[in-house]
Amino acid sequence: MERKEFESVVNVAAQERGCIVAAIDFDDEDNVFEVTLDRPSAPVDLEDCEYVHRAVLAAFDRDVEDYALTVGSLGISREEADEILKTIKE
């Protein structure tokens, strides 16, 4: 997966939700990506994180690229986000 293309998809999706990308952490060895969102005017909510996550899923086939992705915010830990996401049915 091209890092620049990934960053572009994440940034566009975040902007569409009125968010900014606070950080993108890459673990190239394990192909794990962690995106952290922020919004100066209001808290980032689960729908914001889900929107960015789905944008990446639409742009990059996980079966082809073989990656793991976590999208969270400065106000919620990865563990908290994982617990919330488990309660949502797609």
N, C-alpha and C. Protein backbone atom coordinates (compact mmCIF):
# COMPACT_ATOMS: atom_id res chain seq x y z
N MET A 1 0.85 -1.17 0.00
CA MET A 1 0.00 0.00 0.00
C MET A 1 0.90 1.23 0.00
N GLU A 2 0.59 2.16 -0.89
CA GLU A 2 1.35 3.41 -0.95
C GLU A 2 0.95 4.32 0.19
N ARG A 3 1.91 4.75 0.95
CA ARG A 3 1.66 5.57 2.13
C ARG A 3 0.99 6.90 1.75
N LYS A 4 1.46 7.54 0.69
CA LYS A 4 0.90 8.83 0.26
C LYS A 4 -0.57 8.68 -0.12
N GLU A 5 -0.89 7.61 -0.82
CA GLU A 5 -2.28 7.37 -1.23
C GLU A 5 -3.15 7.11 0.01
N PHE A 6 -2.64 6.33 0.95
CA PHE A 6 -3.35 6.06 2.19
C PHE A 6 -3.61 7.37 2.94
N GLU A 7 -2.58 8.19 3.10
CA GLU A 7 -2.72 9.47 3.79
C GLU A 7 -3.75 10.35 3.10
N SER A 8 -3.76 10.36 1.78
CA SER A 8 -4.71 11.17 1.03
C SER A 8 -6.14 10.73 1.29
N VAL A 9 -6.40 9.43 1.25
CA VAL A 9 -7.74 8.90 1.51
C VAL A 9 -8.18 9.27 2.92
N VAL A 10 -7.30 9.09 3.89
CA VAL A 10 -7.62 9.41 5.29
C VAL A 10 -7.91 10.90 5.45
N ASN A 11 -7.07 11.74 4.89
CA ASN A 11 -7.25 13.19 5.02
C ASN A 11 -8.54 13.67 4.38
N VAL A 12 -8.86 13.18 3.19
CA VAL A 12 -10.10 13.58 2.51
C VAL A 12 -11.30 13.15 3.33
N ALA A 13 -11.32 11.91 3.79
CA ALA A 13 -12.45 11.41 4.58
C ALA A 13 -12.60 12.19 5.88
N ALA A 14 -11.50 12.49 6.54
CA ALA A 14 -11.55 13.25 7.78
C ALA A 14 -12.12 14.64 7.53
N GLN A 15 -11.67 15.30 6.48
CA GLN A 15 -12.16 16.63 6.14
C GLN A 15 -13.65 16.60 5.84
N GLU A 16 -14.11 15.56 5.16
CA GLU A 16 -15.53 15.44 4.85
C GLU A 16 -16.38 15.39 6.11
N ARG A 17 -15.81 14.94 7.21
CA ARG A 17 -16.51 14.88 8.50
C ARG A 17 -16.20 16.07 9.39
N GLY A 18 -15.42 17.02 8.88
CA GLY A 18 -15.07 18.19 9.68
C GLY A 18 -13.98 17.93 10.69
N CYS A 19 -13.21 16.89 10.46
CA CYS A 19 -12.13 16.49 11.38
C CYS A 19 -10.77 16.79 10.75
N ILE A 20 -9.75 16.72 11.59
CA ILE A 20 -8.37 16.77 11.11
C ILE A 20 -7.68 15.48 11.56
N VAL A 21 -6.65 15.12 10.84
CA VAL A 21 -5.87 13.94 11.19
C VAL A 21 -4.77 14.39 12.15
N ALA A 22 -4.87 13.94 13.40
CA ALA A 22 -3.88 14.31 14.42
C ALA A 22 -2.61 13.47 14.27
N ALA A 23 -2.78 12.22 13.86
CA ALA A 23 -1.61 11.33 13.71
C ALA A 23 -1.97 10.13 12.86
N ILE A 24 -0.98 9.65 12.15
CA ILE A 24 -1.07 8.36 11.46
C ILE A 24 0.18 7.60 11.84
N ASP A 25 -0.01 6.47 12.50
CA ASP A 25 1.12 5.63 12.90
C ASP A 25 1.15 4.40 12.00
N PHE A 26 2.32 4.15 11.43
CA PHE A 26 2.52 3.01 10.54
C PHE A 26 3.43 1.99 11.20
N ASP A 27 3.02 0.75 11.20
CA ASP A 27 3.89 -0.36 11.58
C ASP A 27 4.08 -1.18 10.31
N ASP A 28 5.08 -0.78 9.54
CA ASP A 28 5.29 -1.41 8.23
C ASP A 28 5.58 -2.90 8.33
N GLU A 29 6.20 -3.32 9.41
CA GLU A 29 6.55 -4.73 9.56
C GLU A 29 5.29 -5.61 9.62
N ASP A 30 4.30 -5.16 10.38
CA ASP A 30 3.07 -5.93 10.53
C ASP A 30 1.93 -5.40 9.66
N ASN A 31 2.17 -4.32 8.90
CA ASN A 31 1.15 -3.69 8.07
C ASN A 31 -0.06 -3.26 8.89
N VAL A 32 0.21 -2.62 10.01
CA VAL A 32 -0.83 -2.12 10.91
C VAL A 32 -0.79 -0.59 10.87
N PHE A 33 -1.98 0.01 10.72
CA PHE A 33 -2.09 1.46 10.62
C PHE A 33 -3.04 1.96 11.70
N GLU A 34 -2.63 3.00 12.39
CA GLU A 34 -3.47 3.62 13.42
C GLU A 34 -3.65 5.09 13.07
N VAL A 35 -4.90 5.51 12.93
CA VAL A 35 -5.24 6.88 12.59
C VAL A 35 -5.89 7.51 13.81
N THR A 36 -5.45 8.72 14.16
CA THR A 36 -6.04 9.46 15.27
C THR A 36 -6.63 10.75 14.72
N LEU A 37 -7.93 10.96 15.00
CA LEU A 37 -8.65 12.13 14.53
C LEU A 37 -8.85 13.13 15.65
N ASP A 38 -9.06 14.38 15.26
CA ASP A 38 -9.39 15.44 16.20
C ASP A 38 -10.34 16.39 15.49
N ARG A 39 -11.07 17.16 16.27
CA ARG A 39 -11.94 18.20 15.73
C ARG A 39 -11.87 19.37 16.70
N PRO A 40 -11.38 20.51 16.23
CA PRO A 40 -11.24 21.65 17.13
C PRO A 40 -12.57 22.16 17.70
N SER A 41 -13.65 22.06 16.91
CA SER A 41 -14.91 22.68 17.31
C SER A 41 -15.82 21.79 18.15
N ALA A 42 -15.59 20.49 18.13
CA ALA A 42 -16.47 19.55 18.85
C ALA A 42 -15.73 18.22 18.99
N PRO A 43 -16.21 17.37 19.88
CA PRO A 43 -15.57 16.06 20.02
C PRO A 43 -15.74 15.20 18.77
N VAL A 44 -14.77 14.38 18.50
CA VAL A 44 -14.86 13.37 17.45
C VAL A 44 -15.76 12.27 17.99
N ASP A 45 -16.71 11.81 17.17
CA ASP A 45 -17.58 10.74 17.64
C ASP A 45 -17.34 9.46 16.85
N LEU A 46 -18.03 8.43 17.25
CA LEU A 46 -17.85 7.12 16.63
C LEU A 46 -18.15 7.15 15.14
N GLU A 47 -19.16 7.93 14.75
CA GLU A 47 -19.52 8.01 13.33
C GLU A 47 -18.38 8.60 12.50
N ASP A 48 -17.64 9.54 13.07
CA ASP A 48 -16.48 10.11 12.38
C ASP A 48 -15.42 9.04 12.14
N CYS A 49 -15.12 8.29 13.18
CA CYS A 49 -14.11 7.24 13.08
C CYS A 49 -14.55 6.17 12.09
N GLU A 50 -15.81 5.80 12.16
CA GLU A 50 -16.34 4.78 11.26
C GLU A 50 -16.29 5.26 9.81
N TYR A 51 -16.60 6.52 9.57
CA TYR A 51 -16.59 7.09 8.22
C TYR A 51 -15.19 6.98 7.61
N VAL A 52 -14.18 7.37 8.37
CA VAL A 52 -12.80 7.31 7.88
C VAL A 52 -12.39 5.86 7.66
N HIS A 53 -12.75 5.00 8.59
CA HIS A 53 -12.42 3.57 8.48
C HIS A 53 -13.03 2.99 7.20
N ARG A 54 -14.29 3.29 6.96
CA ARG A 54 -14.96 2.76 5.76
C ARG A 54 -14.39 3.35 4.47
N ALA A 55 -13.93 4.58 4.51
CA ALA A 55 -13.30 5.18 3.32
C ALA A 55 -12.03 4.42 2.96
N VAL A 56 -11.25 4.07 3.97
CA VAL A 56 -10.03 3.29 3.72
C VAL A 56 -10.39 1.90 3.21
N LEU A 57 -11.39 1.27 3.81
CA LEU A 57 -11.81 -0.05 3.35
C LEU A 57 -12.26 -0.02 1.89
N ALA A 58 -12.94 1.06 1.50
CA ALA A 58 -13.41 1.18 0.12
C ALA A 58 -12.26 1.41 -0.86
N ALA A 59 -11.20 2.06 -0.39
CA ALA A 59 -10.08 2.40 -1.27
C ALA A 59 -9.04 1.29 -1.39
N PHE A 60 -8.92 0.46 -0.35
CA PHE A 60 -7.87 -0.56 -0.33
C PHE A 60 -8.48 -1.90 0.08
N ASP A 61 -8.35 -2.88 -0.76
CA ASP A 61 -8.87 -4.22 -0.49
C ASP A 61 -7.99 -4.89 0.56
N ARG A 62 -8.58 -5.20 1.69
CA ARG A 62 -7.81 -5.79 2.79
C ARG A 62 -7.24 -7.16 2.42
N ASP A 63 -7.94 -7.89 1.57
CA ASP A 63 -7.44 -9.20 1.16
C ASP A 63 -6.21 -9.07 0.27
N VAL A 64 -6.14 -8.01 -0.51
CA VAL A 64 -5.00 -7.80 -1.41
C VAL A 64 -3.85 -7.13 -0.65
N GLU A 65 -4.18 -6.09 0.11
CA GLU A 65 -3.16 -5.31 0.81
C GLU A 65 -2.70 -5.95 2.12
N ASP A 66 -3.55 -6.78 2.73
CA ASP A 66 -3.24 -7.46 3.99
C ASP A 66 -2.80 -6.48 5.07
N TYR A 67 -3.75 -5.66 5.53
CA TYR A 67 -3.44 -4.66 6.54
C TYR A 67 -4.49 -4.69 7.65
N ALA A 68 -4.14 -4.09 8.77
CA ALA A 68 -5.07 -3.89 9.88
C ALA A 68 -5.15 -2.39 10.12
N LEU A 69 -6.35 -1.90 10.45
CA LEU A 69 -6.56 -0.47 10.61
C LEU A 69 -7.36 -0.19 11.87
N THR A 70 -6.91 0.81 12.62
CA THR A 70 -7.64 1.32 13.77
C THR A 70 -7.78 2.82 13.59
N VAL A 71 -9.01 3.32 13.75
CA VAL A 71 -9.26 4.76 13.69
C VAL A 71 -9.85 5.16 15.04
N GLY A 72 -9.23 6.13 15.69
CA GLY A 72 -9.70 6.60 16.99
C GLY A 72 -9.56 8.10 17.08
N SER A 73 -9.80 8.61 18.26
CA SER A 73 -9.70 10.05 18.47
C SER A 73 -8.80 10.33 19.67
N LEU A 74 -8.46 11.58 19.83
CA LEU A 74 -7.65 11.96 20.98
C LEU A 74 -8.42 11.78 22.28
N GLY A 75 -9.75 11.76 22.20
CA GLY A 75 -10.57 11.68 23.40
C GLY A 75 -10.97 10.28 23.80
N ILE A 76 -10.60 9.27 23.04
CA ILE A 76 -10.99 7.90 23.36
C ILE A 76 -9.81 6.98 23.04
N SER A 77 -9.57 6.04 23.90
CA SER A 77 -8.45 5.13 23.67
C SER A 77 -8.83 4.05 22.66
N ARG A 78 -7.83 3.40 22.12
CA ARG A 78 -8.06 2.33 21.17
C ARG A 78 -8.89 1.22 21.80
N GLU A 79 -8.61 0.90 23.04
CA GLU A 79 -9.33 -0.17 23.72
C GLU A 79 -10.81 0.19 23.89
N GLU A 80 -11.08 1.46 24.26
CA GLU A 80 -12.47 1.91 24.39
C GLU A 80 -13.19 1.85 23.05
N ALA A 81 -12.51 2.28 21.99
CA ALA A 81 -13.11 2.25 20.66
C ALA A 81 -13.42 0.83 20.23
N ASP A 82 -12.52 -0.10 20.50
CA ASP A 82 -12.74 -1.50 20.15
C ASP A 82 -13.97 -2.07 20.86
N GLU A 83 -14.14 -1.72 22.11
CA GLU A 83 -15.29 -2.20 22.88
C GLU A 83 -16.60 -1.64 22.32
N ILE A 84 -16.59 -0.36 21.95
CA ILE A 84 -17.79 0.25 21.37
C ILE A 84 -18.11 -0.39 20.02
N LEU A 85 -17.09 -0.59 19.21
CA LEU A 85 -17.31 -1.17 17.88
C LEU A 85 -17.87 -2.59 17.95
N LYS A 86 -17.54 -3.32 18.99
CA LYS A 86 -18.05 -4.68 19.14
C LYS A 86 -19.56 -4.68 19.32
N THR A 87 -20.12 -3.57 19.83
CA THR A 87 -21.56 -3.50 20.08
C THR A 87 -22.35 -3.10 18.83
N ILE A 88 -21.66 -2.65 17.81
CA ILE A 88 -22.34 -2.18 16.59
C ILE A 88 -22.43 -3.34 15.61
N LYS A 89 -23.62 -3.54 15.10
CA LYS A 89 -23.82 -4.57 14.08
C LYS A 89 -23.83 -3.90 12.72
N GLU A 90 -23.07 -4.45 11.80
CA GLU A 90 -23.03 -3.88 10.44
C GLU A 90 -24.17 -4.38 9.63
